[in-house]
Amino acid sequence: MMSIRSLLFLFFLFFTSNASSLKQTYVIHTVKTNTKDIVSSLLNSLQTDSNIQDDNDFALPEIHYIYENAMSGFSATLTDDQLETVKNSRGFISAYPDELLSLHTTHSQEFLGLEFGIGLWNETSLSSDVIIGLVDTGISPEHVSFRDTHMSPVPSRWREEVKQNGGVAMLLVSRQTEGEELLADPHVLPAVSIGFSDGIVLLKYIAGGGGAANATVASIGFRGTEYGARAPIVAAFSSRGPSVAGPEIVKPDISAPGLNILAGWSPFSSPSLLRSDPRRVQFNIISGTSMACPHVSGIAALIKSVHGDWSPAMIKSALLTTASTTDNRNQPIGDMGAGPNSAATAFDFGAGHVDPTRAVDPGLVYDLSTVDYLNYLCSLDYTSERILLFSGTNYTCPAATPGDLNYPSFAVNLANGAKLKTVRSYRRTVTNVGSPACEYMAHVEEPKGVEVRVEPKVLKFQKVRQRLTYTVTFVAEASRDSSSSFGALVWISDKHKVRSPIAVTWE
């Protein structure tokens, strides 16, 4: 009887003797010339090879694709001997085995914790009659009729257009304010983006001569998808507060996915938005508020489908008071604009990153009516004529302060350099949308340099939709070295945490 060791030895002999006949699919990179001619010459050399028998179809090479756009080369199924022939051919650069890769796209709904058919994104929500509308004031006639007659030529610095100046590729280096952030922008030339720190190293290398003359060589290594990166993180280009127009309200309100989003694209514009770009696509990768807004709008529509009787202010409150301030590592959300290890503040992400699952059950909400908004305009010293434009009727302004707008955040603006401590008191009213009988206790994360007092410290509700009012008093230092400090007021029950950001600014 043959031993197991003998069987393994025979198998080893069989495998090694047939290794040169085994086939594998490869992606072959070639020089950027006529790729089809290279493939033809390779095929001829392979088919006329003395090792290939005419009646052995298995030994013939199989060409699958010719690449001429993003790269030059082809893919083929080859034996080891054929691969060696390819490697020894003129025009060959590299070859690597083809791999079956799984989809690495991060879908927005998964990133936001939404699962189709379960929870907030269920069949009932999908069959509701909630419609997302867009309000656009349009542009004024003078924009349409604009002409550049008699205007001076465009400054030369506006033309850092590499292609028009004979360039064949671009290396884009992030500025200090952009940090290590990399945007997937479409270009009309091959382009590589690198972060600010890598850019410093590159610029020093160039300034130092970059090695021997005309001998600078660079290579790009593809390491695949890297998992475990911190997310979410505030993009460097994200809008920042405080609001110049309304500093009495913390802005921005909230953050949502808006970086490198795959979205529909108009066929009337090129992906690069350049008139000289003839390409037309149905989808494009876009970054900005234009991408974050649809995410929040969709979540608001889902909440409305569940709570059809909620006002817009109630939905907005639910989004803000349940937002997350920590990332996937349970660390404070970072800010790319200040560096990847810097924590974002309420002037960077508002209340935090939107959390749709928590937003559908916020516990308490801060509601607002039309009258509340009119009173806010009154507190900003709007004239009766201007308020008439909003209300449509004559409205008599009561005594009001901007800080009393029933908003789910607190903006405290102080004069720097005052001799005495400054005291500010704001009133808020919350509506119970959770359990009929529940109790909330105030927890305060005090901003540096500010003492925060809440009265009452406990809110006891007896029924749903009951409204209770509380007062927050801020006792601030006369002056501080920093211009702003941040904290939060959190109402905590056995089931909910209702968080409102606090931003204190010394001006």
Protein backbone atom coordinates (compact mmCIF):
# COMPACT_ATOMS: atom_id res chain seq x y z
CA MET A 1 0.00 0.00 0.00
CA MET A 2 1.34 3.40 -0.98
CA SER A 3 2.07 5.71 1.98
CA ILE A 4 0.65 9.23 2.35
CA ARG A 5 4.19 10.59 2.02
CA SER A 6 4.57 8.85 -1.36
CA LEU A 7 1.25 10.24 -2.57
CA LEU A 8 2.26 13.77 -1.58
CA PHE A 9 5.59 13.35 -3.38
CA LEU A 10 3.87 12.20 -6.59
CA PHE A 11 1.44 15.12 -6.37
CA PHE A 12 4.38 17.51 -5.99
CA LEU A 13 6.06 16.04 -9.08
CA PHE A 14 2.85 16.31 -11.08
CA PHE A 15 2.26 19.92 -10.02
CA THR A 16 5.80 21.08 -10.77
CA SER A 17 5.91 19.32 -14.13
CA ASN A 18 2.67 20.96 -15.23
CA ALA A 19 3.23 24.37 -13.66
CA SER A 20 4.35 25.87 -16.94
CA SER A 21 1.08 24.72 -18.53
CA LEU A 22 -1.23 26.22 -15.91
CA LYS A 23 -3.00 29.39 -16.99
CA GLN A 24 -3.70 32.56 -15.06
CA THR A 25 -5.20 35.90 -16.03
CA TYR A 26 -2.89 38.92 -15.87
CA VAL A 27 -3.16 42.66 -16.35
CA ILE A 28 -0.22 43.78 -18.49
CA HIS A 29 1.06 47.37 -18.52
CA THR A 30 2.84 48.51 -21.68
CA VAL A 31 4.48 51.71 -22.87
CA LYS A 32 2.13 54.39 -24.17
CA THR A 33 2.38 53.72 -27.90
CA ASN A 34 0.17 51.70 -30.18
CA THR A 35 -1.02 49.09 -27.73
CA LYS A 36 -2.77 47.02 -30.40
CA ASP A 37 0.50 46.64 -32.33
CA ILE A 38 2.24 45.48 -29.16
CA VAL A 39 -0.49 42.92 -28.51
CA SER A 40 -0.32 41.69 -32.11
CA SER A 41 3.43 41.21 -31.95
CA LEU A 42 3.09 39.41 -28.65
CA LEU A 43 0.43 37.11 -30.06
CA ASN A 44 2.59 36.31 -33.07
CA SER A 45 5.57 35.50 -30.89
CA LEU A 46 3.46 33.35 -28.60
CA GLN A 47 1.67 31.45 -31.35
CA THR A 48 4.88 30.70 -33.24
CA ASP A 49 6.69 29.60 -30.12
CA SER A 50 8.15 26.14 -30.53
CA ASN A 51 6.59 25.01 -27.26
CA ILE A 52 3.05 25.52 -28.57
CA GLN A 53 1.40 22.67 -30.43
CA ASP A 54 -1.10 23.54 -33.13
CA ASP A 55 -3.63 21.06 -31.81
CA ASN A 56 -3.40 22.27 -28.21
CA ASP A 57 -5.99 25.06 -27.87
CA PHE A 58 -5.30 25.20 -24.15
CA ALA A 59 -1.83 26.52 -24.83
CA LEU A 60 -2.98 29.46 -26.94
CA PRO A 61 -3.05 32.87 -25.18
CA GLU A 62 -6.44 34.47 -24.50
CA ILE A 63 -6.64 38.24 -24.91
CA HIS A 64 -9.57 39.82 -23.05
CA TYR A 65 -9.27 43.63 -23.07
CA ILE A 66 -7.14 46.33 -24.64
CA TYR A 67 -6.58 49.38 -22.38
CA GLU A 68 -5.91 52.74 -24.02
CA ASN A 69 -7.51 55.37 -21.77
CA ALA A 70 -6.64 55.29 -18.07
CA MET A 71 -3.62 53.09 -18.84
CA SER A 72 -1.86 51.39 -21.77
CA GLY A 73 -1.86 47.63 -21.91
CA PHE A 74 -4.11 44.61 -22.03
CA SER A 75 -5.42 41.70 -19.98
CA ALA A 76 -4.82 38.11 -21.00
CA THR A 77 -4.90 34.54 -19.72
CA LEU A 78 -1.41 33.10 -20.11
CA THR A 79 0.72 30.17 -19.08
CA ASP A 80 3.90 30.80 -17.12
CA ASP A 81 5.98 30.32 -20.29
CA GLN A 82 3.81 32.79 -22.20
CA LEU A 83 4.10 35.31 -19.36
CA GLU A 84 7.88 35.07 -19.58
CA THR A 85 7.68 35.72 -23.32
CA VAL A 86 5.56 38.81 -22.64
CA LYS A 87 8.04 40.08 -20.03
CA ASN A 88 10.87 39.80 -22.54
CA SER A 89 8.96 41.70 -25.23
CA ARG A 90 9.68 45.28 -26.19
CA GLY A 91 7.19 47.70 -24.66
CA PHE A 92 6.52 45.62 -21.52
CA ILE A 93 6.38 47.52 -18.20
CA SER A 94 4.75 45.28 -15.59
CA ALA A 95 2.31 42.43 -15.06
CA TYR A 96 0.26 41.35 -12.08
CA PRO A 97 -2.38 38.65 -11.59
CA ASP A 98 -5.97 39.70 -12.08
CA GLU A 99 -8.00 39.52 -8.87
CA LEU A 100 -11.70 39.34 -8.16
CA LEU A 101 -12.37 42.36 -5.97
CA SER A 102 -15.43 43.09 -3.86
CA LEU A 103 -17.18 46.46 -4.10
CA HIS A 104 -15.52 49.01 -1.81
CA THR A 105 -18.04 51.81 -2.29
CA THR A 106 -19.40 53.22 0.95
CA HIS A 107 -23.12 53.73 0.45
CA SER A 108 -24.58 56.77 2.18
CA GLN A 109 -27.44 54.87 3.77
CA GLU A 110 -25.07 52.32 5.30
CA PHE A 111 -22.73 55.04 6.55
CA LEU A 112 -25.72 56.75 8.19
CA GLY A 113 -26.93 53.53 9.80
CA LEU A 114 -29.98 53.06 7.56
CA GLU A 115 -30.95 49.58 6.39
CA PHE A 116 -33.56 49.06 3.67
CA GLY A 117 -36.84 47.68 5.00
CA ILE A 118 -35.81 48.02 8.66
CA GLY A 119 -36.41 50.81 11.19
CA LEU A 120 -36.74 54.31 9.79
CA TRP A 121 -36.24 53.17 6.17
CA ASN A 122 -39.14 50.69 6.14
CA GLU A 123 -41.93 49.94 3.70
CA THR A 124 -44.30 52.39 5.39
CA SER A 125 -41.83 55.25 4.99
CA LEU A 126 -41.21 54.41 1.35
CA SER A 127 -44.92 54.38 0.48
CA SER A 128 -45.71 57.73 2.11
CA ASP A 129 -46.64 60.82 0.12
CA VAL A 130 -43.76 63.00 1.39
CA ILE A 131 -42.21 65.00 -1.42
CA ILE A 132 -38.87 66.79 -1.27
CA GLY A 133 -39.15 70.19 -2.93
CA LEU A 134 -36.52 72.69 -3.94
CA VAL A 135 -37.00 76.41 -3.42
CA ASP A 136 -34.75 78.47 -5.71
CA THR A 137 -35.02 82.23 -5.88
CA GLY A 138 -33.36 82.18 -9.29
CA ILE A 139 -31.13 84.94 -10.62
CA SER A 140 -31.89 88.54 -11.30
CA PRO A 141 -32.19 89.91 -14.88
CA GLU A 142 -28.97 91.86 -14.60
CA HIS A 143 -27.04 88.60 -14.20
CA VAL A 144 -28.51 87.26 -17.44
CA SER A 145 -27.85 90.38 -19.42
CA PHE A 146 -24.27 90.79 -18.19
CA ARG A 147 -21.69 91.64 -20.84
CA ASP A 148 -17.92 91.94 -20.46
CA THR A 149 -17.63 94.85 -22.92
CA HIS A 150 -15.00 97.44 -21.91
CA MET A 151 -13.68 95.16 -19.16
CA SER A 152 -9.94 94.56 -18.84
CA PRO A 153 -8.44 91.20 -19.89
CA VAL A 154 -8.57 88.32 -17.44
CA PRO A 155 -5.46 88.40 -15.21
CA SER A 156 -2.77 85.96 -16.34
CA ARG A 157 -2.74 84.29 -12.91
CA TRP A 158 -6.26 83.04 -13.59
CA ARG A 159 -4.83 80.89 -16.38
CA GLU A 160 -2.94 78.15 -14.46
CA GLU A 161 -4.50 75.87 -17.12
CA VAL A 162 -1.84 73.28 -17.65
CA LYS A 163 -3.20 71.73 -20.85
CA GLN A 164 -3.40 75.01 -22.74
CA ASN A 165 0.23 75.67 -21.87
CA GLY A 166 1.49 72.37 -23.23
CA GLY A 167 1.42 70.37 -20.01
CA VAL A 168 0.74 66.62 -20.18
CA ALA A 169 -0.06 65.93 -16.51
CA MET A 170 -0.56 67.67 -13.17
CA LEU A 171 0.56 67.21 -9.58
CA LEU A 172 -1.87 69.01 -7.26
CA VAL A 173 -0.63 69.96 -3.79
CA SER A 174 -3.10 70.87 -1.03
CA ARG A 175 -2.70 74.24 0.64
CA GLN A 176 -2.22 74.52 4.39
CA THR A 177 -5.90 75.35 4.90
CA GLU A 178 -6.82 72.16 3.00
CA GLY A 179 -4.53 69.96 5.08
CA GLU A 180 -4.33 66.31 4.03
CA GLU A 181 -7.72 66.37 2.33
CA LEU A 182 -7.87 64.89 -1.17
CA LEU A 183 -10.80 65.57 -3.50
CA ALA A 184 -11.77 63.30 -6.38
CA ASP A 185 -12.10 66.14 -8.88
CA PRO A 186 -12.30 65.36 -12.63
CA HIS A 187 -9.56 66.88 -14.78
CA VAL A 188 -8.77 67.09 -18.49
CA LEU A 189 -5.25 65.75 -17.87
CA PRO A 190 -3.85 62.90 -15.78
CA ALA A 191 -3.53 64.28 -12.26
CA VAL A 192 -2.34 63.18 -8.83
CA SER A 193 -3.32 64.95 -5.58
CA ILE A 194 -1.16 64.94 -2.48
CA GLY A 195 -1.73 66.41 0.96
CA PHE A 196 -0.10 69.47 2.46
CA SER A 197 2.58 67.62 4.48
CA ASP A 198 3.65 65.50 1.50
CA GLY A 199 3.63 68.67 -0.59
CA ILE A 200 6.14 70.30 1.79
CA VAL A 201 8.47 67.33 1.34
CA LEU A 202 8.09 67.51 -2.44
CA LEU A 203 8.70 71.27 -2.63
CA LYS A 204 11.82 70.95 -0.47
CA TYR A 205 13.05 68.20 -2.78
CA ILE A 206 12.49 70.41 -5.82
CA ALA A 207 14.07 73.43 -4.16
CA GLY A 208 17.12 71.33 -3.31
CA GLY A 209 17.70 70.39 -6.93
CA GLY A 210 15.84 67.10 -6.87
CA GLY A 211 18.93 64.97 -7.38
CA ALA A 212 20.98 64.81 -10.54
CA ALA A 213 19.88 66.94 -13.48
CA ASN A 214 17.15 65.34 -15.59
CA ALA A 215 17.32 62.21 -13.43
CA THR A 216 14.31 62.71 -11.17
CA VAL A 217 12.18 59.58 -11.05
CA ALA A 218 8.92 59.03 -9.20
CA SER A 219 6.70 56.03 -8.78
CA ILE A 220 3.14 55.49 -7.62
CA GLY A 221 2.31 52.48 -5.49
CA PHE A 222 -1.29 51.25 -5.32
CA ARG A 223 -1.87 49.83 -1.85
CA GLY A 224 -5.57 49.17 -2.32
CA THR A 225 -8.39 50.30 -0.09
CA GLU A 226 -7.32 51.16 3.44
CA TYR A 227 -9.85 50.37 6.14
CA GLY A 228 -10.21 51.90 9.55
CA ALA A 229 -9.81 55.57 8.62
CA ARG A 230 -11.45 58.04 11.00
CA ALA A 231 -14.95 59.00 9.93
CA PRO A 232 -16.84 61.21 9.87
CA ILE A 233 -14.48 64.17 9.75
CA VAL A 234 -15.26 67.78 8.83
CA ALA A 235 -13.97 68.61 5.35
CA ALA A 236 -11.50 71.47 4.99
CA PHE A 237 -13.84 73.26 2.55
CA SER A 238 -16.87 73.01 4.85
CA SER A 239 -18.66 76.26 5.77
CA ARG A 240 -17.68 77.59 9.18
CA GLY A 241 -19.34 79.73 11.77
CA PRO A 242 -20.11 81.98 13.43
CA SER A 243 -22.72 83.50 11.17
CA VAL A 244 -22.05 87.11 10.27
CA ALA A 245 -25.70 87.74 9.42
CA GLY A 246 -27.16 86.10 12.54
CA PRO A 247 -24.55 85.54 15.27
CA GLU A 248 -27.35 84.94 17.78
CA ILE A 249 -27.79 81.43 16.31
CA VAL A 250 -25.08 78.77 16.21
CA LYS A 251 -24.13 78.05 12.62
CA PRO A 252 -23.72 75.70 10.89
CA ASP A 253 -26.65 73.65 12.15
CA ILE A 254 -25.47 70.13 11.37
CA SER A 255 -23.09 68.10 9.20
CA ALA A 256 -23.76 65.28 6.74
CA PRO A 257 -21.86 63.29 4.05
CA GLY A 258 -20.62 65.74 1.42
CA LEU A 259 -17.14 64.60 0.35
CA ASN A 260 -16.54 62.65 -2.87
CA ILE A 261 -20.21 61.73 -3.38
CA LEU A 262 -21.25 59.84 -6.53
CA ALA A 263 -24.24 61.80 -7.85
CA GLY A 264 -26.26 62.39 -10.99
CA TRP A 265 -24.77 64.90 -13.43
CA SER A 266 -26.34 67.19 -16.03
CA PRO A 267 -25.62 66.24 -19.65
CA PHE A 268 -25.33 69.95 -20.47
CA SER A 269 -22.04 70.32 -18.58
CA SER A 270 -18.75 68.50 -18.76
CA PRO A 271 -17.57 66.67 -15.61
CA SER A 272 -14.78 69.24 -15.20
CA LEU A 273 -17.16 72.19 -15.85
CA LEU A 274 -14.74 73.43 -18.52
CA ARG A 275 -16.21 74.53 -21.83
CA SER A 276 -13.23 73.02 -23.63
CA ASP A 277 -14.01 69.61 -22.13
CA PRO A 278 -16.18 67.63 -24.64
CA ARG A 279 -16.95 64.77 -22.25
CA ARG A 280 -20.49 64.13 -21.06
CA VAL A 281 -21.40 61.79 -18.20
CA GLN A 282 -24.51 60.71 -16.33
CA PHE A 283 -22.74 60.59 -12.96
CA ASN A 284 -19.93 62.56 -11.36
CA ILE A 285 -18.09 62.63 -8.04
CA ILE A 286 -18.96 65.88 -6.29
CA SER A 287 -18.08 67.50 -2.96
CA GLY A 288 -19.74 70.32 -1.05
CA THR A 289 -22.91 71.48 0.66
CA SER A 290 -24.79 70.55 -2.51
CA MET A 291 -24.12 66.92 -1.60
CA ALA A 292 -24.68 67.19 2.17
CA CYS A 293 -28.04 68.93 1.75
CA PRO A 294 -29.77 66.06 -0.14
CA HIS A 295 -28.74 63.63 2.59
CA VAL A 296 -30.34 65.76 5.30
CA SER A 297 -33.39 66.47 3.11
CA GLY A 298 -33.93 62.74 2.56
CA ILE A 299 -33.64 62.03 6.28
CA ALA A 300 -36.10 64.85 7.04
CA ALA A 301 -38.54 63.30 4.56
CA LEU A 302 -38.21 59.90 6.26
CA ILE A 303 -38.91 61.50 9.66
CA LYS A 304 -41.92 63.32 8.20
CA SER A 305 -43.24 60.03 6.85
CA VAL A 306 -43.22 58.63 10.38
CA HIS A 307 -44.36 61.80 12.17
CA GLY A 308 -46.74 63.40 9.71
CA ASP A 309 -47.99 65.99 12.22
CA TRP A 310 -44.54 67.33 13.13
CA SER A 311 -43.70 70.88 12.12
CA PRO A 312 -40.51 71.68 10.16
CA ALA A 313 -39.00 73.12 13.35
CA MET A 314 -39.71 69.89 15.25
CA ILE A 315 -37.99 67.84 12.55
CA LYS A 316 -35.02 70.21 12.50
CA SER A 317 -34.79 70.05 16.29
CA ALA A 318 -34.84 66.25 16.19
CA LEU A 319 -31.97 66.23 13.71
CA LEU A 320 -29.87 68.63 15.80
CA THR A 321 -30.41 67.29 19.31
CA THR A 322 -29.62 63.69 18.32
CA ALA A 323 -26.56 64.38 16.16
CA SER A 324 -23.33 62.56 16.96
CA THR A 325 -20.18 64.36 18.08
CA THR A 326 -17.92 61.28 18.02
CA ASP A 327 -16.49 59.25 15.13
CA ASN A 328 -16.14 55.53 14.42
CA ARG A 329 -13.31 55.32 16.97
CA ASN A 330 -15.48 56.92 19.64
CA GLN A 331 -13.22 59.96 19.53
CA PRO A 332 -14.33 63.60 19.01
CA ILE A 333 -15.06 64.28 15.33
CA GLY A 334 -11.97 65.79 13.72
CA ASP A 335 -11.53 68.84 11.50
CA MET A 336 -9.42 68.47 8.34
CA GLY A 337 -9.24 72.24 8.07
CA ALA A 338 -7.29 72.44 11.32
CA GLY A 339 -5.42 69.14 10.91
CA PRO A 340 -6.52 65.48 11.03
CA ASN A 341 -5.90 65.26 14.79
CA SER A 342 -7.77 68.47 15.65
CA ALA A 343 -11.25 68.23 17.17
CA ALA A 344 -14.11 70.04 15.44
CA THR A 345 -16.25 72.57 17.32
CA ALA A 346 -19.82 73.80 17.06
CA PHE A 347 -18.62 76.41 14.56
CA ASP A 348 -17.35 73.55 12.37
CA PHE A 349 -20.11 70.91 12.50
CA GLY A 350 -22.92 72.63 14.39
CA ALA A 351 -24.71 70.11 16.59
CA GLY A 352 -22.70 67.24 15.08
CA HIS A 353 -23.08 64.60 12.38
CA VAL A 354 -26.64 63.62 11.48
CA ASP A 355 -27.93 60.34 12.98
CA PRO A 356 -31.25 59.37 11.32
CA THR A 357 -32.00 56.41 13.56
CA ARG A 358 -31.83 58.52 16.72
CA ALA A 359 -33.53 61.51 15.07
CA VAL A 360 -36.80 59.64 14.55
CA ASP A 361 -37.12 59.26 18.34
CA PRO A 362 -35.57 62.39 19.91
CA GLY A 363 -37.55 62.43 23.17
CA LEU A 364 -37.89 66.23 23.30
CA VAL A 365 -38.10 68.83 20.53
CA TYR A 366 -37.86 72.61 20.32
CA ASP A 367 -40.84 73.78 18.28
CA LEU A 368 -41.26 77.13 16.52
CA SER A 369 -44.19 78.93 14.96
CA THR A 370 -44.42 81.75 12.44
CA VAL A 371 -44.89 84.21 15.29
CA ASP A 372 -41.64 83.05 16.87
CA TYR A 373 -39.75 83.83 13.68
CA LEU A 374 -41.43 87.23 13.38
CA ASN A 375 -40.44 88.03 16.96
CA TYR A 376 -36.88 87.06 16.07
CA LEU A 377 -36.93 89.51 13.16
CA CYS A 378 -38.24 92.13 15.55
CA SER A 379 -35.31 91.47 17.90
CA LEU A 380 -32.98 92.16 14.97
CA ASP A 381 -34.58 95.61 14.57
CA TYR A 382 -36.40 94.82 11.33
CA THR A 383 -38.75 97.66 10.36
CA SER A 384 -42.51 97.17 10.09
CA GLU A 385 -42.23 97.46 6.31
CA ARG A 386 -39.71 94.64 6.11
CA ILE A 387 -41.64 92.40 8.49
CA LEU A 388 -44.71 92.99 6.32
CA LEU A 389 -42.86 91.29 3.45
CA PHE A 390 -42.59 88.12 5.55
CA SER A 391 -45.91 88.12 7.37
CA GLY A 392 -48.20 89.58 4.73
CA THR A 393 -49.98 91.52 7.50
CA ASN A 394 -49.18 94.36 9.85
CA TYR A 395 -47.38 92.91 12.84
CA THR A 396 -46.73 94.73 16.10
CA CYS A 397 -43.34 93.84 17.53
CA PRO A 398 -43.20 92.88 21.22
CA ALA A 399 -40.13 93.31 23.39
CA ALA A 400 -37.78 90.46 22.39
CA THR A 401 -34.14 89.48 22.46
CA PRO A 402 -32.46 87.38 19.73
CA GLY A 403 -31.32 84.76 22.23
CA ASP A 404 -34.89 83.85 23.13
CA LEU A 405 -35.65 82.25 19.76
CA ASN A 406 -36.69 78.69 20.68
CA TYR A 407 -33.74 77.19 18.83
CA PRO A 408 -32.05 73.90 19.87
CA SER A 409 -28.68 75.61 20.45
CA PHE A 410 -27.22 78.54 22.38
CA ALA A 411 -25.04 81.31 20.94
CA VAL A 412 -23.70 83.68 23.61
CA ASN A 413 -21.97 86.81 22.30
CA LEU A 414 -19.95 88.91 24.73
CA ALA A 415 -17.84 92.05 24.64
CA ASN A 416 -14.17 91.28 25.24
CA GLY A 417 -12.35 93.52 27.67
CA ALA A 418 -15.32 94.25 29.94
CA LYS A 419 -14.39 95.06 33.54
CA LEU A 420 -17.07 92.87 35.11
CA LYS A 421 -18.45 89.42 34.46
CA THR A 422 -21.26 89.32 31.91
CA VAL A 423 -24.58 87.59 32.60
CA ARG A 424 -26.93 86.35 29.84
CA SER A 425 -30.19 84.47 30.41
CA TYR A 426 -32.17 82.61 27.72
CA ARG A 427 -35.55 80.87 27.90
CA ARG A 428 -36.39 77.68 26.02
CA THR A 429 -39.52 75.54 25.74
CA VAL A 430 -39.35 71.83 24.98
CA THR A 431 -42.17 69.55 23.84
CA ASN A 432 -42.36 65.95 24.97
CA VAL A 433 -42.62 63.55 21.99
CA GLY A 434 -41.40 60.47 23.89
CA SER A 435 -42.95 58.50 26.71
CA PRO A 436 -46.13 59.97 28.28
CA ALA A 437 -44.68 60.10 31.80
CA CYS A 438 -40.95 60.83 31.83
CA GLU A 439 -38.35 62.84 33.67
CA TYR A 440 -35.31 64.66 32.28
CA MET A 441 -32.31 65.90 34.26
CA ALA A 442 -30.04 68.70 33.05
CA HIS A 443 -26.38 67.88 32.45
CA VAL A 444 -24.07 70.75 31.50
CA GLU A 445 -20.73 70.63 29.71
CA GLU A 446 -19.51 74.12 30.60
CA PRO A 447 -17.53 76.15 28.06
CA LYS A 448 -14.16 77.36 29.36
CA GLY A 449 -14.53 80.67 31.15
CA VAL A 450 -18.31 80.34 31.55
CA GLU A 451 -20.51 79.21 34.41
CA VAL A 452 -23.84 77.74 33.27
CA ARG A 453 -26.94 77.57 35.49
CA VAL A 454 -30.16 75.76 34.51
CA GLU A 455 -33.50 76.34 36.24
CA PRO A 456 -35.27 74.04 36.85
CA LYS A 457 -32.68 71.26 36.77
CA VAL A 458 -35.36 68.59 36.31
CA LEU A 459 -38.23 68.53 33.81
CA LYS A 460 -41.15 66.24 34.70
CA PHE A 461 -43.66 65.42 31.96
CA GLN A 462 -47.03 63.77 32.48
CA LYS A 463 -48.18 63.35 28.88
CA VAL A 464 -47.12 63.43 25.25
CA ARG A 465 -46.99 66.90 23.65
CA GLN A 466 -46.74 68.56 27.05
CA ARG A 467 -44.60 71.70 26.92
CA LEU A 468 -42.27 72.83 29.71
CA THR A 469 -40.08 75.93 29.89
CA TYR A 470 -36.64 76.34 31.45
CA THR A 471 -34.06 79.13 31.76
CA VAL A 472 -30.32 78.96 31.12
CA THR A 473 -28.06 81.61 32.65
CA PHE A 474 -24.50 82.14 31.44
CA VAL A 475 -22.03 83.91 33.72
CA ALA A 476 -18.94 84.65 31.64
CA GLU A 477 -15.49 85.93 32.48
CA ALA A 478 -14.78 89.55 31.59
CA SER A 479 -12.29 88.58 28.88
CA ARG A 480 -10.38 85.62 27.53
CA ASP A 481 -7.35 84.99 25.39
CA SER A 482 -9.29 82.82 22.96
CA SER A 483 -12.23 84.26 21.03
CA SER A 484 -14.61 81.30 21.52
CA SER A 485 -15.28 78.36 23.80
CA PHE A 486 -17.79 75.55 23.49
CA GLY A 487 -19.96 73.28 25.60
CA ALA A 488 -23.39 71.68 25.65
CA LEU A 489 -26.63 71.34 27.59
CA VAL A 490 -27.92 67.76 27.61
CA TRP A 491 -31.33 66.75 28.96
CA ILE A 492 -31.07 63.09 30.01
CA SER A 493 -33.85 60.59 30.71
CA ASP A 494 -33.74 56.81 31.03
CA LYS A 495 -34.23 56.51 27.24
CA HIS A 496 -33.05 59.72 25.61
CA LYS A 497 -30.27 62.29 25.49
CA VAL A 498 -31.32 65.66 24.08
CA ARG A 499 -28.17 67.67 23.35
CA SER A 500 -27.93 71.38 22.52
CA PRO A 501 -24.53 72.89 21.63
CA ILE A 502 -23.31 76.05 23.38
CA ALA A 503 -20.98 78.50 21.63
CA VAL A 504 -19.63 81.48 23.58
CA THR A 505 -17.82 84.22 21.64
CA TRP A 506 -15.87 87.19 23.02
CA GLU A 507 -15.72 89.96 20.44
